[in-house]
Amino acid sequence: MIKLISKDFIEINPGEVVEEIVVLERLFWINFKFTYRKVHGVVFRYKNGRYRQISWRDWDVKNYFKLPVE
């Protein structure tokens, strides 16, 4: 199960808007919370104190940005 917890739009520079989402993924009884940012069409995942670009195997993460906030 995937649930979108929050969605924010952050303006870093004039004309540059970053979309940030927090996703809750549930695997059996364990909850995992992930933070993603979309900058100029490129998706990054927050892990270990920094944002890293997702790999080509995680292409389905781009669909998370279309989910409604619950």
PDB file of N, CA and C in Angstrom:
ATOM      1  N   MET A   1       0.837  -1.173   0.000  1.00  0.00           N
ATOM      2  CA  MET A   1       0.000   0.000   0.000  1.00  0.00           C
ATOM      3  C   MET A   1       0.881   1.234   0.000  1.00  0.00           C
ATOM      4  N   ILE A   2       0.533   2.204  -0.811  1.00  0.00           N
ATOM      5  CA  ILE A   2       1.264   3.466  -0.891  1.00  0.00           C
ATOM      6  C   ILE A   2       0.295   4.592  -0.587  1.00  0.00           C
ATOM      7  N   LYS A   3       0.715   5.485   0.304  1.00  0.00           N
ATOM      8  CA  LYS A   3      -0.145   6.585   0.729  1.00  0.00           C
ATOM      9  C   LYS A   3       0.678   7.867   0.720  1.00  0.00           C
ATOM     10  N   LEU A   4       0.159   8.911   0.089  1.00  0.00           N
ATOM     11  CA  LEU A   4       0.842  10.197   0.041  1.00  0.00           C
ATOM     12  C   LEU A   4       0.459  11.002   1.275  1.00  0.00           C
ATOM     13  N   ILE A   5       1.452  11.328   2.102  1.00  0.00           N
ATOM     14  CA  ILE A   5       1.186  12.028   3.365  1.00  0.00           C
ATOM     15  C   ILE A   5       1.139  13.541   3.164  1.00  0.00           C
ATOM     16  N   SER A   6       2.120  14.096   2.465  1.00  0.00           N
ATOM     17  CA  SER A   6       2.135  15.545   2.253  1.00  0.00           C
ATOM     18  C   SER A   6       2.745  15.885   0.903  1.00  0.00           C
ATOM     19  N   LYS A   7       2.381  17.054   0.401  1.00  0.00           N
ATOM     20  CA  LYS A   7       2.883  17.550  -0.883  1.00  0.00           C
ATOM     21  C   LYS A   7       3.142  19.040  -0.716  1.00  0.00           C
ATOM     22  N   ASP A   8       4.369  19.471  -0.988  1.00  0.00           N
ATOM     23  CA  ASP A   8       4.748  20.872  -0.842  1.00  0.00           C
ATOM     24  C   ASP A   8       5.390  21.376  -2.122  1.00  0.00           C
ATOM     25  N   PHE A   9       5.215  22.670  -2.372  1.00  0.00           N
ATOM     26  CA  PHE A   9       5.888  23.337  -3.470  1.00  0.00           C
ATOM     27  C   PHE A   9       6.808  24.377  -2.855  1.00  0.00           C
ATOM     28  N   ILE A  10       8.103  24.268  -3.141  1.00  0.00           N
ATOM     29  CA  ILE A  10       9.108  25.139  -2.552  1.00  0.00           C
ATOM     30  C   ILE A  10       9.725  25.975  -3.667  1.00  0.00           C
ATOM     31  N   GLU A  11       9.768  27.302  -3.469  1.00  0.00           N
ATOM     32  CA  GLU A  11      10.391  28.179  -4.451  1.00  0.00           C
ATOM     33  C   GLU A  11      11.797  28.507  -3.969  1.00  0.00           C
ATOM     34  N   ILE A  12      12.804  27.996  -4.669  1.00  0.00           N
ATOM     35  CA  ILE A  12      14.195  28.215  -4.282  1.00  0.00           C
ATOM     36  C   ILE A  12      14.691  29.542  -4.846  1.00  0.00           C
ATOM     37  N   ASN A  13      14.611  29.709  -6.128  1.00  0.00           N
ATOM     38  CA  ASN A  13      14.963  30.950  -6.817  1.00  0.00           C
ATOM     39  C   ASN A  13      13.714  31.433  -7.541  1.00  0.00           C
ATOM     40  N   PRO A  14      13.659  32.717  -7.893  1.00  0.00           N
ATOM     41  CA  PRO A  14      12.499  33.174  -8.676  1.00  0.00           C
ATOM     42  C   PRO A  14      12.348  32.358  -9.961  1.00  0.00           C
ATOM     43  N   GLY A  15      11.200  31.775 -10.127  1.00  0.00           N
ATOM     44  CA  GLY A  15      10.937  30.976 -11.316  1.00  0.00           C
ATOM     45  C   GLY A  15      11.333  29.512 -11.195  1.00  0.00           C
ATOM     46  N   GLU A  16      11.961  29.109 -10.086  1.00  0.00           N
ATOM     47  CA  GLU A  16      12.346  27.710  -9.911  1.00  0.00           C
ATOM     48  C   GLU A  16      11.542  27.120  -8.752  1.00  0.00           C
ATOM     49  N   VAL A  17      10.639  26.216  -9.084  1.00  0.00           N
ATOM     50  CA  VAL A  17       9.765  25.608  -8.089  1.00  0.00           C
ATOM     51  C   VAL A  17      10.113  24.123  -7.960  1.00  0.00           C
ATOM     52  N   VAL A  18      10.253  23.683  -6.712  1.00  0.00           N
ATOM     53  CA  VAL A  18      10.570  22.298  -6.414  1.00  0.00           C
ATOM     54  C   VAL A  18       9.350  21.655  -5.784  1.00  0.00           C
ATOM     55  N   GLU A  19       8.989  20.477  -6.241  1.00  0.00           N
ATOM     56  CA  GLU A  19       7.861  19.738  -5.682  1.00  0.00           C
ATOM     57  C   GLU A  19       8.408  18.652  -4.761  1.00  0.00           C
ATOM     58  N   GLU A  20       7.941  18.650  -3.505  1.00  0.00           N
ATOM     59  CA  GLU A  20       8.414  17.677  -2.526  1.00  0.00           C
ATOM     60  C   GLU A  20       7.227  16.898  -1.980  1.00  0.00           C
ATOM     61  N   ILE A  21       7.367  15.574  -1.905  1.00  0.00           N
ATOM     62  CA  ILE A  21       6.306  14.734  -1.363  1.00  0.00           C
ATOM     63  C   ILE A  21       6.879  13.797  -0.302  1.00  0.00           C
ATOM     64  N   VAL A  22       6.021  13.424   0.640  1.00  0.00           N
ATOM     65  CA  VAL A  22       6.356  12.426   1.649  1.00  0.00           C
ATOM     66  C   VAL A  22       5.401  11.262   1.439  1.00  0.00           C
ATOM     67  N   VAL A  23       5.958  10.068   1.245  1.00  0.00           N
ATOM     68  CA  VAL A  23       5.186   8.876   0.907  1.00  0.00           C
ATOM     69  C   VAL A  23       5.324   7.858   2.032  1.00  0.00           C
ATOM     70  N   LEU A  24       4.208   7.251   2.393  1.00  0.00           N
ATOM     71  CA  LEU A  24       4.200   6.167   3.368  1.00  0.00           C
ATOM     72  C   LEU A  24       3.946   4.872   2.610  1.00  0.00           C
ATOM     73  N   GLU A  25       4.906   3.953   2.678  1.00  0.00           N
ATOM     74  CA  GLU A  25       4.759   2.646   2.048  1.00  0.00           C
ATOM     75  C   GLU A  25       4.621   1.610   3.149  1.00  0.00           C
ATOM     76  N   ARG A  26       3.624   0.763   3.012  1.00  0.00           N
ATOM     77  CA  ARG A  26       3.363  -0.254   4.024  1.00  0.00           C
ATOM     78  C   ARG A  26       3.599  -1.627   3.415  1.00  0.00           C
ATOM     79  N   LEU A  27       4.492  -2.386   4.030  1.00  0.00           N
ATOM     80  CA  LEU A  27       4.788  -3.736   3.606  1.00  0.00           C
ATOM     81  C   LEU A  27       4.434  -4.660   4.763  1.00  0.00           C
ATOM     82  N   PHE A  28       3.352  -5.391   4.601  1.00  0.00           N
ATOM     83  CA  PHE A  28       2.764  -6.218   5.654  1.00  0.00           C
ATOM     84  C   PHE A  28       2.400  -5.328   6.846  1.00  0.00           C
ATOM     85  N   TRP A  29       3.099  -5.377   7.938  1.00  0.00           N
ATOM     86  CA  TRP A  29       2.765  -4.557   9.107  1.00  0.00           C
ATOM     87  C   TRP A  29       3.818  -3.479   9.381  1.00  0.00           C
ATOM     88  N   ILE A  30       4.790  -3.329   8.499  1.00  0.00           N
ATOM     89  CA  ILE A  30       5.873  -2.372   8.694  1.00  0.00           C
ATOM     90  C   ILE A  30       5.646  -1.148   7.805  1.00  0.00           C
ATOM     91  N   ASN A  31       5.755   0.052   8.388  1.00  0.00           N
ATOM     92  CA  ASN A  31       5.604   1.302   7.650  1.00  0.00           C
ATOM     93  C   ASN A  31       6.970   1.888   7.329  1.00  0.00           C
ATOM     94  N   PHE A  32       7.145   2.332   6.090  1.00  0.00           N
ATOM     95  CA  PHE A  32       8.357   3.008   5.645  1.00  0.00           C
ATOM     96  C   PHE A  32       7.957   4.378   5.130  1.00  0.00           C
ATOM     97  N   LYS A  33       8.685   5.411   5.552  1.00  0.00           N
ATOM     98  CA  LYS A  33       8.393   6.770   5.120  1.00  0.00           C
ATOM     99  C   LYS A  33       9.558   7.270   4.274  1.00  0.00           C
ATOM    100  N   PHE A  34       9.242   7.761   3.065  1.00  0.00           N
ATOM    101  CA  PHE A  34      10.253   8.252   2.137  1.00  0.00           C
ATOM    102  C   PHE A  34       9.906   9.667   1.707  1.00  0.00           C
ATOM    103  N   THR A  35      10.937  10.476   1.472  1.00  0.00           N
ATOM    104  CA  THR A  35      10.769  11.841   0.982  1.00  0.00           C
ATOM    105  C   THR A  35      11.403  11.932  -0.399  1.00  0.00           C
ATOM    106  N   TYR A  36      10.649  12.500  -1.349  1.00  0.00           N
ATOM    107  CA  TYR A  36      11.127  12.660  -2.720  1.00  0.00           C
ATOM    108  C   TYR A  36      10.986  14.116  -3.127  1.00  0.00           C
ATOM    109  N   ARG A  37      11.902  14.569  -3.990  1.00  0.00           N
ATOM    110  CA  ARG A  37      11.834  15.908  -4.572  1.00  0.00           C
ATOM    111  C   ARG A  37      11.928  15.800  -6.084  1.00  0.00           C
ATOM    112  N   LYS A  38      11.153  16.641  -6.756  1.00  0.00           N
ATOM    113  CA  LYS A  38      11.166  16.681  -8.211  1.00  0.00           C
ATOM    114  C   LYS A  38      11.652  18.067  -8.636  1.00  0.00           C
ATOM    115  N   VAL A  39      12.817  18.106  -9.288  1.00  0.00           N
ATOM    116  CA  VAL A  39      13.418  19.356  -9.725  1.00  0.00           C
ATOM    117  C   VAL A  39      13.674  19.259 -11.225  1.00  0.00           C
ATOM    118  N   HIS A  40      13.041  20.135 -11.993  1.00  0.00           N
ATOM    119  CA  HIS A  40      13.196  20.147 -13.455  1.00  0.00           C
ATOM    120  C   HIS A  40      12.949  18.772 -14.066  1.00  0.00           C
ATOM    121  N   GLY A  41      11.988  18.031 -13.535  1.00  0.00           N
ATOM    122  CA  GLY A  41      11.634  16.721 -14.078  1.00  0.00           C
ATOM    123  C   GLY A  41      12.490  15.572 -13.577  1.00  0.00           C
ATOM    124  N   VAL A  42      13.501  15.848 -12.765  1.00  0.00           N
ATOM    125  CA  VAL A  42      14.375  14.811 -12.214  1.00  0.00           C
ATOM    126  C   VAL A  42      13.952  14.552 -10.766  1.00  0.00           C
ATOM    127  N   VAL A  43      13.821  13.279 -10.398  1.00  0.00           N
ATOM    128  CA  VAL A  43      13.343  12.907  -9.072  1.00  0.00           C
ATOM    129  C   VAL A  43      14.519  12.481  -8.195  1.00  0.00           C
ATOM    130  N   PHE A  44      14.541  13.023  -6.971  1.00  0.00           N
ATOM    131  CA  PHE A  44      15.570  12.709  -5.992  1.00  0.00           C
ATOM    132  C   PHE A  44      14.924  12.122  -4.748  1.00  0.00           C
ATOM    133  N   ARG A  45      15.642  11.235  -4.060  1.00  0.00           N
ATOM    134  CA  ARG A  45      15.153  10.635  -2.819  1.00  0.00           C
ATOM    135  C   ARG A  45      16.049  11.084  -1.665  1.00  0.00           C
ATOM    136  N   TYR A  46      15.436  11.473  -0.554  1.00  0.00           N
ATOM    137  CA  TYR A  46      16.187  11.889   0.626  1.00  0.00           C
ATOM    138  C   TYR A  46      16.599  10.659   1.410  1.00  0.00           C
ATOM    139  N   LYS A  47      17.903  10.494   1.597  1.00  0.00           N
ATOM    140  CA  LYS A  47      18.424   9.340   2.321  1.00  0.00           C
ATOM    141  C   LYS A  47      19.773   9.712   2.919  1.00  0.00           C
ATOM    142  N   ASN A  48      19.976   9.367   4.174  1.00  0.00           N
ATOM    143  CA  ASN A  48      21.234   9.615   4.876  1.00  0.00           C
ATOM    144  C   ASN A  48      21.650  11.086   4.855  1.00  0.00           C
ATOM    145  N   GLY A  49      20.681  11.977   5.034  1.00  0.00           N
ATOM    146  CA  GLY A  49      20.988  13.396   5.143  1.00  0.00           C
ATOM    147  C   GLY A  49      21.230  14.133   3.840  1.00  0.00           C
ATOM    148  N   ARG A  50      20.967  13.498   2.698  1.00  0.00           N
ATOM    149  CA  ARG A  50      21.148  14.183   1.425  1.00  0.00           C
ATOM    150  C   ARG A  50      20.195  13.620   0.372  1.00  0.00           C
ATOM    151  N   TYR A  51      19.991  14.395  -0.681  1.00  0.00           N
ATOM    152  CA  TYR A  51      19.138  13.971  -1.781  1.00  0.00           C
ATOM    153  C   TYR A  51      19.986  13.305  -2.857  1.00  0.00           C
ATOM    154  N   ARG A  52      19.539  12.133  -3.317  1.00  0.00           N
ATOM    155  CA  ARG A  52      20.229  11.397  -4.384  1.00  0.00           C
ATOM    156  C   ARG A  52      19.237  11.084  -5.484  1.00  0.00           C
ATOM    157  N   GLN A  53      19.702  11.144  -6.717  1.00  0.00           N
ATOM    158  CA  GLN A  53      18.842  10.862  -7.858  1.00  0.00           C
ATOM    159  C   GLN A  53      18.444   9.393  -7.848  1.00  0.00           C
ATOM    160  N   ILE A  54      17.167   9.119  -8.161  1.00  0.00           N
ATOM    161  CA  ILE A  54      16.701   7.739  -8.185  1.00  0.00           C
ATOM    162  C   ILE A  54      17.246   7.047  -9.428  1.00  0.00           C
ATOM    163  N   SER A  55      17.373   5.735  -9.364  1.00  0.00           N
ATOM    164  CA  SER A  55      17.901   4.978 -10.494  1.00  0.00           C
ATOM    165  C   SER A  55      16.790   4.682 -11.503  1.00  0.00           C
ATOM    166  N   TRP A  56      17.189   4.149 -12.637  1.00  0.00           N
ATOM    167  CA  TRP A  56      16.206   3.845 -13.680  1.00  0.00           C
ATOM    168  C   TRP A  56      15.278   2.713 -13.259  1.00  0.00           C
ATOM    169  N   ARG A  57      15.664   1.928 -12.260  1.00  0.00           N
ATOM    170  CA  ARG A  57      14.792   0.847 -11.787  1.00  0.00           C
ATOM    171  C   ARG A  57      13.616   1.370 -10.960  1.00  0.00           C
ATOM    172  N   ASP A  58      13.732   2.592 -10.446  1.00  0.00           N
ATOM    173  CA  ASP A  58      12.671   3.186  -9.626  1.00  0.00           C
ATOM    174  C   ASP A  58      11.784   4.129 -10.443  1.00  0.00           C
ATOM    175  N   TRP A  59      11.558   3.827 -11.712  1.00  0.00           N
ATOM    176  CA  TRP A  59      10.794   4.707 -12.592  1.00  0.00           C
ATOM    177  C   TRP A  59       9.358   4.895 -12.123  1.00  0.00           C
ATOM    178  N   ASP A  60       8.811   3.936 -11.370  1.00  0.00           N
ATOM    179  CA  ASP A  60       7.431   4.043 -10.913  1.00  0.00           C
ATOM    180  C   ASP A  60       7.243   5.130  -9.856  1.00  0.00           C
ATOM    181  N   VAL A  61       8.319   5.618  -9.261  1.00  0.00           N
ATOM    182  CA  VAL A  61       8.238   6.686  -8.258  1.00  0.00           C
ATOM    183  C   VAL A  61       7.678   7.963  -8.884  1.00  0.00           C
ATOM    184  N   LYS A  62       7.916   8.189 -10.156  1.00  0.00           N
ATOM    185  CA  LYS A  62       7.400   9.388 -10.826  1.00  0.00           C
ATOM    186  C   LYS A  62       5.878   9.439 -10.783  1.00  0.00           C
ATOM    187  N   ASN A  63       5.223   8.298 -10.686  1.00  0.00           N
ATOM    188  CA  ASN A  63       3.766   8.262 -10.601  1.00  0.00           C
ATOM    189  C   ASN A  63       3.263   8.705  -9.226  1.00  0.00           C
ATOM    190  N   TYR A  64       4.104   8.668  -8.207  1.00  0.00           N
ATOM    191  CA  TYR A  64       3.711   9.098  -6.871  1.00  0.00           C
ATOM    192  C   TYR A  64       3.328  10.572  -6.847  1.00  0.00           C
ATOM    193  N   PHE A  65       3.907  11.385  -7.719  1.00  0.00           N
ATOM    194  CA  PHE A  65       3.634  12.807  -7.733  1.00  0.00           C
ATOM    195  C   PHE A  65       2.222  13.113  -8.233  1.00  0.00           C
ATOM    196  N   LYS A  66       1.550  12.119  -8.829  1.00  0.00           N
ATOM    197  CA  LYS A  66       0.192  12.303  -9.329  1.00  0.00           C
ATOM    198  C   LYS A  66      -0.866  11.854  -8.319  1.00  0.00           C
ATOM    199  N   LEU A  67      -0.449  11.236  -7.212  1.00  0.00           N
ATOM    200  CA  LEU A  67      -1.387  10.748  -6.209  1.00  0.00           C
ATOM    201  C   LEU A  67      -2.010  11.891  -5.419  1.00  0.00           C
ATOM    202  N   PRO A  68      -3.268  11.756  -4.985  1.00  0.00           N
ATOM    203  CA  PRO A  68      -3.867  12.784  -4.119  1.00  0.00           C
ATOM    204  C   PRO A  68      -3.372  12.625  -2.678  1.00  0.00           C
ATOM    205  N   VAL A  69      -3.331  13.741  -1.954  1.00  0.00           N
ATOM    206  CA  VAL A  69      -2.906  13.726  -0.552  1.00  0.00           C
ATOM    207  C   VAL A  69      -4.021  13.149   0.289  1.00  0.00           C
ATOM    208  N   GLU A  70      -3.679  12.222   1.187  1.00  0.00           N
ATOM    209  CA  GLU A  70      -4.693  11.605   2.058  1.00  0.00           C
ATOM    210  C   GLU A  70      -4.585  12.151   3.458  1.00  0.00           C
TER     211      GLU A  70
END
